[in-house]
Amino acid sequence: KYCVQKRASVLRYSKVRLDRKIYLAALEQDGLVLEFLAEKKLPHFVHRHGAGGERCDDEEFVRTAVRQNGMALAFASERHREDVECVLEAVRNDERAMKFVRSKPVICEVVKERPSALKHALWEFHDDLEVVEVAYASDPTSLKFAGTEAALGMIMAHGPRVLEFLKASIQQDERVRHVISISGAEDLGQDIPTECT
């Protein structure tokens, strides 16, 4: 037991079923141990099969794991990936955990608190105007993570003042420049560097 508590990764090779408290102690040391626990199909360990293998559905195990390492969300069931508090815990630890979240309402709640987490969300959310709008409302600089479609929507909704927050490649996009030109901002084209100048 002491060995498992000191070296959580030993669980990967363990053939013996241990006490639940030992597994929790291991998760407190290394949240990614959740992957190995899911594979073990322990009797007291609730699990569900997901697209990438077994996923943990045990509330205490998942919360302990993501608190220690946000990337442990990869081994959590969809139920936990759709739980705002669980996802927030994971993202507070490691924003890259956002890539495991597919629920738009959860993404919106998370970027409200952590707008920079938009950077790690699935690409479809970079182009989702509602998600980008929520992040922008919390921190305008998060607009640098917006995709072209969302950027176009933001320009239409907020005018050219949002340009300063867009990444240069989107500022140069032909459609973005067209929207700016028809928006009535005569001198805006001078503020945006072009490849020709």
N, C-alpha and C. Protein backbone atom coordinates (compact mmCIF):
# COMPACT_ATOMS: atom_id res chain seq x y z
N LYS A 1 0.83 -1.21 0.00
CA LYS A 1 0.00 0.00 0.00
C LYS A 1 0.86 1.26 0.00
N TYR A 2 1.91 1.24 0.80
CA TYR A 2 2.80 2.39 0.88
C TYR A 2 3.42 2.68 -0.49
N CYS A 3 3.80 1.63 -1.20
CA CYS A 3 4.42 1.78 -2.52
C CYS A 3 3.46 2.46 -3.49
N VAL A 4 2.21 2.08 -3.44
CA VAL A 4 1.21 2.69 -4.34
C VAL A 4 1.01 4.15 -3.98
N GLN A 5 0.97 4.45 -2.69
CA GLN A 5 0.79 5.84 -2.28
C GLN A 5 1.99 6.70 -2.67
N LYS A 6 3.18 6.14 -2.62
CA LYS A 6 4.37 6.90 -2.98
C LYS A 6 4.56 7.02 -4.49
N ARG A 7 4.18 6.00 -5.23
CA ARG A 7 4.34 5.99 -6.69
C ARG A 7 3.02 5.58 -7.33
N ALA A 8 2.19 6.55 -7.58
CA ALA A 8 0.85 6.30 -8.09
C ALA A 8 0.86 5.50 -9.38
N SER A 9 1.87 5.67 -10.20
CA SER A 9 1.91 4.98 -11.49
C SER A 9 2.06 3.46 -11.35
N VAL A 10 2.41 2.98 -10.16
CA VAL A 10 2.51 1.55 -9.92
C VAL A 10 1.16 0.87 -10.17
N LEU A 11 0.08 1.62 -10.01
CA LEU A 11 -1.26 1.05 -10.23
C LEU A 11 -1.43 0.50 -11.64
N ARG A 12 -0.71 1.05 -12.57
CA ARG A 12 -0.81 0.58 -13.94
C ARG A 12 -0.51 -0.91 -14.05
N TYR A 13 0.41 -1.39 -13.25
CA TYR A 13 0.86 -2.77 -13.35
C TYR A 13 0.29 -3.66 -12.25
N SER A 14 -0.41 -3.06 -11.31
CA SER A 14 -0.93 -3.82 -10.18
C SER A 14 -2.02 -4.80 -10.62
N LYS A 15 -1.89 -6.03 -10.19
CA LYS A 15 -2.90 -7.06 -10.48
C LYS A 15 -3.84 -7.22 -9.29
N VAL A 16 -3.43 -6.69 -8.14
CA VAL A 16 -4.19 -6.84 -6.91
C VAL A 16 -5.20 -5.70 -6.80
N ARG A 17 -6.39 -6.04 -6.36
CA ARG A 17 -7.39 -5.00 -6.10
C ARG A 17 -7.12 -4.42 -4.72
N LEU A 18 -7.07 -3.11 -4.67
CA LEU A 18 -6.74 -2.42 -3.43
C LEU A 18 -7.96 -1.70 -2.87
N ASP A 19 -7.80 -1.19 -1.69
CA ASP A 19 -8.86 -0.44 -1.03
C ASP A 19 -9.10 0.88 -1.78
N ARG A 20 -10.32 1.33 -1.79
CA ARG A 20 -10.71 2.57 -2.46
C ARG A 20 -9.86 3.76 -1.98
N LYS A 21 -9.54 3.80 -0.70
CA LYS A 21 -8.75 4.90 -0.15
C LYS A 21 -7.36 4.96 -0.78
N ILE A 22 -6.83 3.82 -1.12
CA ILE A 22 -5.50 3.76 -1.76
C ILE A 22 -5.59 4.37 -3.16
N TYR A 23 -6.65 4.01 -3.88
CA TYR A 23 -6.83 4.57 -5.22
C TYR A 23 -6.99 6.09 -5.14
N LEU A 24 -7.75 6.57 -4.17
CA LEU A 24 -7.92 8.02 -4.01
C LEU A 24 -6.60 8.70 -3.67
N ALA A 25 -5.81 8.07 -2.83
CA ALA A 25 -4.49 8.63 -2.49
C ALA A 25 -3.61 8.69 -3.74
N ALA A 26 -3.69 7.67 -4.57
CA ALA A 26 -2.92 7.67 -5.81
C ALA A 26 -3.38 8.79 -6.74
N LEU A 27 -4.69 8.99 -6.84
CA LEU A 27 -5.23 10.06 -7.68
C LEU A 27 -4.82 11.44 -7.18
N GLU A 28 -4.70 11.57 -5.88
CA GLU A 28 -4.24 12.85 -5.31
C GLU A 28 -2.80 13.14 -5.71
N GLN A 29 -2.03 12.11 -5.96
CA GLN A 29 -0.64 12.27 -6.39
C GLN A 29 -0.53 12.45 -7.88
N ASP A 30 -1.34 11.72 -8.63
CA ASP A 30 -1.26 11.74 -10.09
C ASP A 30 -2.65 11.50 -10.67
N GLY A 31 -3.31 12.57 -11.08
CA GLY A 31 -4.67 12.47 -11.61
C GLY A 31 -4.79 11.58 -12.83
N LEU A 32 -3.70 11.42 -13.57
CA LEU A 32 -3.76 10.60 -14.78
C LEU A 32 -3.85 9.10 -14.48
N VAL A 33 -3.71 8.74 -13.23
CA VAL A 33 -3.93 7.35 -12.82
C VAL A 33 -5.37 6.94 -13.15
N LEU A 34 -6.24 7.92 -13.30
CA LEU A 34 -7.64 7.64 -13.64
C LEU A 34 -7.74 6.75 -14.87
N GLU A 35 -6.83 6.92 -15.81
CA GLU A 35 -6.83 6.08 -17.02
C GLU A 35 -6.68 4.61 -16.66
N PHE A 36 -5.78 4.28 -15.78
CA PHE A 36 -5.53 2.89 -15.42
C PHE A 36 -6.65 2.31 -14.59
N LEU A 37 -7.25 3.15 -13.76
CA LEU A 37 -8.38 2.68 -12.95
C LEU A 37 -9.57 2.34 -13.84
N ALA A 38 -9.77 3.11 -14.87
CA ALA A 38 -10.88 2.83 -15.80
C ALA A 38 -10.66 1.49 -16.49
N GLU A 39 -9.43 1.19 -16.83
CA GLU A 39 -9.12 -0.08 -17.51
C GLU A 39 -9.30 -1.28 -16.59
N LYS A 40 -9.15 -1.09 -15.29
CA LYS A 40 -9.23 -2.20 -14.35
C LYS A 40 -10.65 -2.70 -14.12
N LYS A 41 -11.64 -1.87 -14.40
CA LYS A 41 -13.05 -2.23 -14.20
C LYS A 41 -13.29 -2.73 -12.78
N LEU A 42 -12.91 -1.93 -11.84
CA LEU A 42 -13.06 -2.28 -10.43
C LEU A 42 -14.54 -2.37 -10.07
N PRO A 43 -14.90 -3.25 -9.14
CA PRO A 43 -16.31 -3.43 -8.80
C PRO A 43 -16.94 -2.18 -8.18
N HIS A 44 -16.18 -1.42 -7.40
CA HIS A 44 -16.72 -0.21 -6.78
C HIS A 44 -16.45 1.03 -7.64
N PHE A 45 -15.92 0.81 -8.79
CA PHE A 45 -15.53 1.88 -9.70
C PHE A 45 -16.54 1.93 -10.84
N VAL A 46 -17.38 2.93 -10.82
CA VAL A 46 -18.40 3.05 -11.86
C VAL A 46 -17.71 3.49 -13.14
N HIS A 47 -17.99 2.82 -14.23
CA HIS A 47 -17.36 3.19 -15.50
C HIS A 47 -18.34 3.02 -16.65
N ARG A 48 -18.07 3.74 -17.70
CA ARG A 48 -18.86 3.66 -18.92
C ARG A 48 -17.89 3.61 -20.09
N HIS A 49 -18.26 2.89 -21.11
CA HIS A 49 -17.41 2.82 -22.29
C HIS A 49 -17.63 4.07 -23.14
N GLY A 50 -16.54 4.72 -23.53
CA GLY A 50 -16.60 5.90 -24.37
C GLY A 50 -15.92 5.62 -25.70
N ALA A 51 -15.88 6.63 -26.55
CA ALA A 51 -15.30 6.49 -27.88
C ALA A 51 -13.83 6.04 -27.82
N GLY A 52 -13.10 6.49 -26.81
CA GLY A 52 -11.68 6.16 -26.73
C GLY A 52 -11.37 5.10 -25.70
N GLY A 53 -12.36 4.35 -25.26
CA GLY A 53 -12.12 3.32 -24.25
C GLY A 53 -12.97 3.55 -23.03
N GLU A 54 -12.59 2.93 -21.92
CA GLU A 54 -13.35 3.07 -20.68
C GLU A 54 -13.21 4.48 -20.12
N ARG A 55 -14.31 4.97 -19.60
CA ARG A 55 -14.33 6.30 -19.00
C ARG A 55 -14.86 6.19 -17.57
N CYS A 56 -14.27 6.93 -16.67
CA CYS A 56 -14.67 6.89 -15.27
C CYS A 56 -15.93 7.72 -15.05
N ASP A 57 -16.87 7.15 -14.32
CA ASP A 57 -18.10 7.85 -13.99
C ASP A 57 -18.23 8.01 -12.48
N ASP A 58 -17.17 7.70 -11.76
CA ASP A 58 -17.18 7.79 -10.30
C ASP A 58 -16.86 9.23 -9.90
N GLU A 59 -17.84 9.89 -9.30
CA GLU A 59 -17.74 11.31 -8.95
C GLU A 59 -16.48 11.63 -8.13
N GLU A 60 -16.26 10.89 -7.08
CA GLU A 60 -15.13 11.17 -6.19
C GLU A 60 -13.79 10.96 -6.89
N PHE A 61 -13.69 9.89 -7.68
CA PHE A 61 -12.45 9.63 -8.40
C PHE A 61 -12.18 10.74 -9.42
N VAL A 62 -13.19 11.11 -10.19
CA VAL A 62 -13.01 12.13 -11.24
C VAL A 62 -12.62 13.46 -10.63
N ARG A 63 -13.36 13.90 -9.60
CA ARG A 63 -13.05 15.20 -8.99
C ARG A 63 -11.65 15.22 -8.39
N THR A 64 -11.26 14.15 -7.76
CA THR A 64 -9.91 14.08 -7.18
C THR A 64 -8.87 14.14 -8.29
N ALA A 65 -9.11 13.42 -9.37
CA ALA A 65 -8.16 13.37 -10.48
C ALA A 65 -8.01 14.73 -11.17
N VAL A 66 -9.12 15.38 -11.53
CA VAL A 66 -9.02 16.65 -12.26
C VAL A 66 -8.50 17.78 -11.38
N ARG A 67 -8.72 17.66 -10.08
CA ARG A 67 -8.16 18.65 -9.16
C ARG A 67 -6.63 18.58 -9.17
N GLN A 68 -6.11 17.36 -9.33
CA GLN A 68 -4.65 17.18 -9.35
C GLN A 68 -4.07 17.44 -10.74
N ASN A 69 -4.79 17.02 -11.77
CA ASN A 69 -4.31 17.18 -13.15
C ASN A 69 -5.53 17.35 -14.06
N GLY A 70 -5.73 18.54 -14.58
CA GLY A 70 -6.89 18.83 -15.42
C GLY A 70 -7.04 17.92 -16.62
N MET A 71 -5.92 17.41 -17.13
CA MET A 71 -5.97 16.55 -18.31
C MET A 71 -6.61 15.19 -18.00
N ALA A 72 -6.81 14.88 -16.73
CA ALA A 72 -7.50 13.64 -16.36
C ALA A 72 -8.94 13.65 -16.85
N LEU A 73 -9.45 14.81 -17.23
CA LEU A 73 -10.80 14.90 -17.79
C LEU A 73 -10.94 14.01 -19.02
N ALA A 74 -9.84 13.70 -19.67
CA ALA A 74 -9.84 12.81 -20.84
C ALA A 74 -10.39 11.44 -20.49
N PHE A 75 -10.28 11.03 -19.24
CA PHE A 75 -10.70 9.69 -18.83
C PHE A 75 -11.99 9.71 -18.03
N ALA A 76 -12.64 10.86 -18.01
CA ALA A 76 -13.93 11.00 -17.32
C ALA A 76 -15.07 10.73 -18.30
N SER A 77 -16.19 10.27 -17.76
CA SER A 77 -17.36 10.01 -18.60
C SER A 77 -17.94 11.32 -19.13
N GLU A 78 -18.79 11.21 -20.13
CA GLU A 78 -19.45 12.39 -20.70
C GLU A 78 -20.22 13.16 -19.64
N ARG A 79 -20.80 12.44 -18.70
CA ARG A 79 -21.57 13.10 -17.63
C ARG A 79 -20.69 14.12 -16.92
N HIS A 80 -19.45 13.77 -16.67
CA HIS A 80 -18.54 14.70 -15.98
C HIS A 80 -18.02 15.77 -16.92
N ARG A 81 -17.89 15.45 -18.18
CA ARG A 81 -17.45 16.45 -19.17
C ARG A 81 -18.54 17.47 -19.46
N GLU A 82 -19.75 17.15 -19.04
CA GLU A 82 -20.87 18.09 -19.21
C GLU A 82 -21.27 18.74 -17.89
N ASP A 83 -20.48 18.52 -16.87
CA ASP A 83 -20.71 19.10 -15.56
C ASP A 83 -19.83 20.34 -15.44
N VAL A 84 -20.46 21.51 -15.39
CA VAL A 84 -19.72 22.78 -15.40
C VAL A 84 -18.69 22.84 -14.27
N GLU A 85 -19.09 22.45 -13.07
CA GLU A 85 -18.16 22.54 -11.94
C GLU A 85 -16.95 21.62 -12.12
N CYS A 86 -17.19 20.43 -12.63
CA CYS A 86 -16.09 19.49 -12.85
C CYS A 86 -15.14 20.02 -13.93
N VAL A 87 -15.71 20.54 -15.01
CA VAL A 87 -14.89 21.08 -16.09
C VAL A 87 -14.12 22.31 -15.61
N LEU A 88 -14.78 23.17 -14.85
CA LEU A 88 -14.08 24.34 -14.31
C LEU A 88 -12.90 23.93 -13.44
N GLU A 89 -13.11 22.91 -12.62
CA GLU A 89 -12.01 22.42 -11.79
C GLU A 89 -10.84 21.95 -12.66
N ALA A 90 -11.16 21.22 -13.71
CA ALA A 90 -10.12 20.72 -14.61
C ALA A 90 -9.41 21.88 -15.32
N VAL A 91 -10.17 22.84 -15.81
CA VAL A 91 -9.61 23.96 -16.57
C VAL A 91 -8.81 24.91 -15.67
N ARG A 92 -9.23 25.05 -14.44
CA ARG A 92 -8.44 25.87 -13.50
C ARG A 92 -7.05 25.26 -13.31
N ASN A 93 -7.00 23.95 -13.39
CA ASN A 93 -5.73 23.25 -13.23
C ASN A 93 -4.93 23.26 -14.53
N ASP A 94 -5.63 23.07 -15.66
CA ASP A 94 -4.95 23.01 -16.96
C ASP A 94 -5.97 23.34 -18.06
N GLU A 95 -5.81 24.50 -18.66
CA GLU A 95 -6.78 24.96 -19.68
C GLU A 95 -6.89 24.02 -20.87
N ARG A 96 -5.88 23.22 -21.11
CA ARG A 96 -5.94 22.28 -22.23
C ARG A 96 -7.04 21.24 -22.06
N ALA A 97 -7.56 21.10 -20.87
CA ALA A 97 -8.67 20.15 -20.63
C ALA A 97 -9.91 20.53 -21.44
N MET A 98 -9.97 21.76 -21.91
CA MET A 98 -11.12 22.21 -22.72
C MET A 98 -11.31 21.36 -23.97
N LYS A 99 -10.26 20.77 -24.47
CA LYS A 99 -10.38 19.99 -25.71
C LYS A 99 -11.21 18.73 -25.54
N PHE A 100 -11.55 18.38 -24.31
CA PHE A 100 -12.36 17.19 -24.06
C PHE A 100 -13.85 17.53 -23.87
N VAL A 101 -14.19 18.80 -23.99
CA VAL A 101 -15.56 19.25 -23.73
C VAL A 101 -16.28 19.52 -25.05
N ARG A 102 -17.46 18.92 -25.19
CA ARG A 102 -18.24 19.08 -26.43
C ARG A 102 -19.58 19.78 -26.22
N SER A 103 -19.86 20.17 -25.01
CA SER A 103 -21.13 20.80 -24.67
C SER A 103 -21.00 22.32 -24.75
N LYS A 104 -21.75 22.92 -25.65
CA LYS A 104 -21.69 24.36 -25.83
C LYS A 104 -22.09 25.13 -24.56
N PRO A 105 -23.15 24.74 -23.86
CA PRO A 105 -23.47 25.47 -22.62
C PRO A 105 -22.33 25.40 -21.59
N VAL A 106 -21.65 24.28 -21.51
CA VAL A 106 -20.52 24.16 -20.58
C VAL A 106 -19.38 25.06 -21.03
N ILE A 107 -19.09 25.02 -22.33
CA ILE A 107 -18.02 25.88 -22.87
C ILE A 107 -18.32 27.35 -22.55
N CYS A 108 -19.56 27.77 -22.74
CA CYS A 108 -19.94 29.17 -22.46
C CYS A 108 -19.70 29.52 -21.00
N GLU A 109 -20.09 28.63 -20.09
CA GLU A 109 -19.88 28.89 -18.66
C GLU A 109 -18.39 28.96 -18.32
N VAL A 110 -17.61 28.10 -18.93
CA VAL A 110 -16.18 28.07 -18.62
C VAL A 110 -15.48 29.32 -19.15
N VAL A 111 -15.77 29.71 -20.40
CA VAL A 111 -15.09 30.90 -20.94
C VAL A 111 -15.58 32.19 -20.29
N LYS A 112 -16.72 32.13 -19.63
CA LYS A 112 -17.17 33.29 -18.86
C LYS A 112 -16.20 33.54 -17.71
N GLU A 113 -15.75 32.46 -17.08
CA GLU A 113 -14.79 32.59 -15.97
C GLU A 113 -13.35 32.62 -16.47
N ARG A 114 -13.04 31.81 -17.49
CA ARG A 114 -11.68 31.69 -18.01
C ARG A 114 -11.68 31.93 -19.51
N PRO A 115 -11.79 33.18 -19.97
CA PRO A 115 -11.88 33.47 -21.40
C PRO A 115 -10.71 32.92 -22.22
N SER A 116 -9.53 32.87 -21.63
CA SER A 116 -8.36 32.37 -22.35
C SER A 116 -8.46 30.88 -22.64
N ALA A 117 -9.35 30.17 -21.96
CA ALA A 117 -9.52 28.74 -22.20
C ALA A 117 -10.11 28.47 -23.59
N LEU A 118 -10.68 29.50 -24.21
CA LEU A 118 -11.19 29.35 -25.58
C LEU A 118 -10.10 28.84 -26.51
N LYS A 119 -8.89 29.22 -26.23
CA LYS A 119 -7.74 28.80 -27.05
C LYS A 119 -7.68 27.28 -27.22
N HIS A 120 -8.08 26.54 -26.19
CA HIS A 120 -7.95 25.08 -26.20
C HIS A 120 -9.25 24.35 -26.51
N ALA A 121 -10.32 25.09 -26.75
CA ALA A 121 -11.60 24.45 -27.06
C ALA A 121 -11.55 23.82 -28.46
N LEU A 122 -12.44 22.90 -28.70
CA LEU A 122 -12.55 22.31 -30.04
C LEU A 122 -12.74 23.44 -31.05
N TRP A 123 -12.22 23.26 -32.26
CA TRP A 123 -12.21 24.35 -33.23
C TRP A 123 -13.61 24.87 -33.54
N GLU A 124 -14.61 24.02 -33.54
CA GLU A 124 -15.97 24.47 -33.85
C GLU A 124 -16.41 25.59 -32.91
N PHE A 125 -15.88 25.64 -31.70
CA PHE A 125 -16.26 26.69 -30.76
C PHE A 125 -15.51 27.99 -31.00
N HIS A 126 -14.40 27.93 -31.69
CA HIS A 126 -13.67 29.16 -32.06
C HIS A 126 -14.49 29.94 -33.08
N ASP A 127 -15.30 29.25 -33.83
CA ASP A 127 -16.13 29.89 -34.85
C ASP A 127 -17.59 30.05 -34.41
N ASP A 128 -17.88 29.76 -33.17
CA ASP A 128 -19.24 29.89 -32.65
C ASP A 128 -19.39 31.29 -32.06
N LEU A 129 -20.22 32.11 -32.69
CA LEU A 129 -20.36 33.51 -32.29
C LEU A 129 -20.80 33.65 -30.84
N GLU A 130 -21.71 32.81 -30.38
CA GLU A 130 -22.19 32.91 -29.01
C GLU A 130 -21.06 32.64 -28.01
N VAL A 131 -20.28 31.62 -28.25
CA VAL A 131 -19.16 31.27 -27.36
C VAL A 131 -18.13 32.41 -27.36
N VAL A 132 -17.79 32.89 -28.53
CA VAL A 132 -16.79 33.96 -28.65
C VAL A 132 -17.30 35.24 -27.98
N GLU A 133 -18.58 35.52 -28.12
CA GLU A 133 -19.18 36.70 -27.50
C GLU A 133 -19.07 36.63 -25.97
N VAL A 134 -19.31 35.46 -25.41
CA VAL A 134 -19.21 35.28 -23.95
C VAL A 134 -17.76 35.51 -23.50
N ALA A 135 -16.81 34.95 -24.21
CA ALA A 135 -15.40 35.13 -23.85
C ALA A 135 -15.01 36.61 -23.98
N TYR A 136 -15.43 37.24 -25.07
CA TYR A 136 -15.12 38.65 -25.33
C TYR A 136 -15.68 39.55 -24.22
N ALA A 137 -16.89 39.23 -23.75
CA ALA A 137 -17.51 40.04 -22.69
C ALA A 137 -16.68 39.99 -21.41
N SER A 138 -16.02 38.88 -21.15
CA SER A 138 -15.18 38.75 -19.96
C SER A 138 -13.79 39.32 -20.16
N ASP A 139 -13.27 39.17 -21.37
CA ASP A 139 -11.93 39.66 -21.67
C ASP A 139 -11.80 39.87 -23.18
N PRO A 140 -11.83 41.12 -23.64
CA PRO A 140 -11.76 41.39 -25.08
C PRO A 140 -10.54 40.78 -25.77
N THR A 141 -9.44 40.60 -25.05
CA THR A 141 -8.25 40.03 -25.69
C THR A 141 -8.44 38.57 -26.09
N SER A 142 -9.46 37.91 -25.55
CA SER A 142 -9.72 36.51 -25.92
C SER A 142 -10.19 36.41 -27.37
N LEU A 143 -10.50 37.54 -27.98
CA LEU A 143 -10.94 37.54 -29.37
C LEU A 143 -9.82 37.03 -30.30
N LYS A 144 -8.60 37.05 -29.82
CA LYS A 144 -7.49 36.53 -30.64
C LYS A 144 -7.62 35.04 -30.90
N PHE A 145 -8.50 34.37 -30.16
CA PHE A 145 -8.72 32.94 -30.36
C PHE A 145 -9.93 32.66 -31.25
N ALA A 146 -10.59 33.70 -31.71
CA ALA A 146 -11.79 33.54 -32.55
C ALA A 146 -11.42 33.09 -33.95
N GLY A 147 -12.29 32.29 -34.54
CA GLY A 147 -12.14 31.90 -35.93
C GLY A 147 -12.70 32.99 -36.83
N THR A 148 -12.52 32.85 -38.11
CA THR A 148 -12.94 33.88 -39.06
C THR A 148 -14.44 34.15 -39.02
N GLU A 149 -15.25 33.09 -38.98
CA GLU A 149 -16.71 33.28 -38.97
C GLU A 149 -17.16 34.07 -37.74
N ALA A 150 -16.64 33.72 -36.58
CA ALA A 150 -17.00 34.43 -35.36
C ALA A 150 -16.47 35.87 -35.42
N ALA A 151 -15.28 36.04 -35.98
CA ALA A 151 -14.71 37.39 -36.10
C ALA A 151 -15.61 38.27 -36.97
N LEU A 152 -16.10 37.72 -38.05
CA LEU A 152 -17.03 38.48 -38.91
C LEU A 152 -18.27 38.89 -38.13
N GLY A 153 -18.81 37.96 -37.37
CA GLY A 153 -19.99 38.26 -36.56
C GLY A 153 -19.70 39.32 -35.51
N MET A 154 -18.53 39.26 -34.92
CA MET A 154 -18.15 40.25 -33.90
C MET A 154 -17.99 41.64 -34.51
N ILE A 155 -17.44 41.70 -35.71
CA ILE A 155 -17.30 43.00 -36.39
C ILE A 155 -18.68 43.57 -36.69
N MET A 156 -19.58 42.70 -37.15
CA MET A 156 -20.94 43.15 -37.46
C MET A 156 -21.65 43.62 -36.18
N ALA A 157 -21.44 42.93 -35.07
CA ALA A 157 -22.12 43.25 -33.83
C ALA A 157 -21.50 44.44 -33.09
N HIS A 158 -20.17 44.54 -33.12
CA HIS A 158 -19.49 45.55 -32.31
C HIS A 158 -18.76 46.61 -33.12
N GLY A 159 -18.74 46.45 -34.41
CA GLY A 159 -18.05 47.42 -35.25
C GLY A 159 -16.56 47.15 -35.31
N PRO A 160 -15.86 48.00 -36.02
CA PRO A 160 -14.43 47.79 -36.27
C PRO A 160 -13.54 47.90 -35.03
N ARG A 161 -14.08 48.36 -33.91
CA ARG A 161 -13.25 48.49 -32.70
C ARG A 161 -12.70 47.14 -32.23
N VAL A 162 -13.32 46.03 -32.65
CA VAL A 162 -12.84 44.71 -32.23
C VAL A 162 -11.61 44.27 -33.01
N LEU A 163 -11.29 44.97 -34.09
CA LEU A 163 -10.15 44.57 -34.94
C LEU A 163 -8.84 44.48 -34.18
N GLU A 164 -8.63 45.37 -33.24
CA GLU A 164 -7.36 45.38 -32.52
C GLU A 164 -7.13 44.08 -31.75
N PHE A 165 -8.19 43.35 -31.47
CA PHE A 165 -8.06 42.11 -30.69
C PHE A 165 -7.94 40.86 -31.57
N LEU A 166 -8.21 40.99 -32.85
CA LEU A 166 -8.15 39.83 -33.76
C LEU A 166 -6.72 39.53 -34.15
N LYS A 167 -6.44 38.26 -34.37
CA LYS A 167 -5.09 37.92 -34.83
C LYS A 167 -4.89 38.46 -36.25
N ALA A 168 -3.65 38.73 -36.60
CA ALA A 168 -3.30 39.38 -37.86
C ALA A 168 -3.83 38.62 -39.08
N SER A 169 -3.77 37.31 -39.05
CA SER A 169 -4.23 36.53 -40.20
C SER A 169 -5.71 36.74 -40.46
N ILE A 170 -6.49 36.94 -39.41
CA ILE A 170 -7.93 37.19 -39.61
C ILE A 170 -8.14 38.63 -40.05
N GLN A 171 -7.34 39.55 -39.55
CA GLN A 171 -7.46 40.94 -40.00
C GLN A 171 -7.22 41.04 -41.50
N GLN A 172 -6.37 40.16 -42.02
CA GLN A 172 -6.04 40.18 -43.44
C GLN A 172 -7.02 39.39 -44.31
N ASP A 173 -7.90 38.64 -43.69
CA ASP A 173 -8.85 37.82 -44.44
C ASP A 173 -9.69 38.71 -45.37
N GLU A 174 -9.85 38.25 -46.59
CA GLU A 174 -10.58 39.01 -47.60
C GLU A 174 -12.00 39.35 -47.16
N ARG A 175 -12.69 38.40 -46.55
CA ARG A 175 -14.07 38.65 -46.12
C ARG A 175 -14.12 39.67 -44.99
N VAL A 176 -13.15 39.61 -44.09
CA VAL A 176 -13.11 40.57 -42.99
C VAL A 176 -12.87 41.97 -43.53
N ARG A 177 -11.94 42.08 -44.44
CA ARG A 177 -11.65 43.40 -45.04
C ARG A 177 -12.87 43.93 -45.79
N HIS A 178 -13.60 43.04 -46.44
CA HIS A 178 -14.81 43.46 -47.16
C HIS A 178 -15.87 43.98 -46.18
N VAL A 179 -16.08 43.29 -45.09
CA VAL A 179 -17.06 43.73 -44.09
C VAL A 179 -16.65 45.09 -43.53
N ILE A 180 -15.37 45.27 -43.31
CA ILE A 180 -14.89 46.56 -42.80
C ILE A 180 -15.15 47.66 -43.82
N SER A 181 -14.88 47.37 -45.07
CA SER A 181 -15.04 48.39 -46.11
C SER A 181 -16.50 48.81 -46.28
N ILE A 182 -17.43 47.89 -46.08
CA ILE A 182 -18.84 48.27 -46.23
C ILE A 182 -19.46 48.79 -44.94
N SER A 183 -18.69 48.73 -43.85
CA SER A 183 -19.23 49.19 -42.57
C SER A 183 -19.15 50.70 -42.42
N GLY A 184 -18.55 51.38 -43.38
CA GLY A 184 -18.50 52.84 -43.34
C GLY A 184 -17.29 53.39 -42.61
N ALA A 185 -16.34 52.55 -42.27
CA ALA A 185 -15.13 53.02 -41.59
C ALA A 185 -14.08 53.34 -42.65
N GLU A 186 -14.06 54.61 -43.07
CA GLU A 186 -13.21 55.01 -44.20
C GLU A 186 -11.72 54.80 -43.96
N ASP A 187 -11.24 55.20 -42.80
CA ASP A 187 -9.80 55.16 -42.59
C ASP A 187 -9.32 53.88 -41.92
N LEU A 188 -10.18 52.92 -41.72
CA LEU A 188 -9.77 51.70 -41.04
C LEU A 188 -8.75 50.89 -41.84
N GLY A 189 -8.86 50.89 -43.13
CA GLY A 189 -7.94 50.11 -43.95
C GLY A 189 -6.49 50.49 -43.71
N GLN A 190 -6.23 51.74 -43.31
CA GLN A 190 -4.88 52.17 -43.04
C GLN A 190 -4.34 51.58 -41.74
N ASP A 191 -5.24 51.26 -40.81
CA ASP A 191 -4.82 50.71 -39.52
C ASP A 191 -4.45 49.24 -39.60
N ILE A 192 -4.91 48.57 -40.65
CA ILE A 192 -4.64 47.15 -40.79
C ILE A 192 -3.50 46.97 -41.77
N PRO A 193 -2.39 46.42 -41.34
CA PRO A 193 -1.27 46.21 -42.25
C PRO A 193 -1.64 45.20 -43.34
N THR A 194 -1.19 45.48 -44.54
CA THR A 194 -1.45 44.55 -45.64
C THR A 194 -0.13 44.03 -46.16
N GLU A 195 -0.20 42.94 -46.88
CA GLU A 195 1.02 42.34 -47.42
C GLU A 195 1.60 43.22 -48.54
N CYS A 196 0.80 44.05 -49.13
CA CYS A 196 1.23 44.88 -50.27
C CYS A 196 1.97 46.13 -49.83
N THR A 197 1.80 46.57 -48.58
CA THR A 197 2.43 47.85 -48.17
C THR A 197 3.80 47.64 -47.58
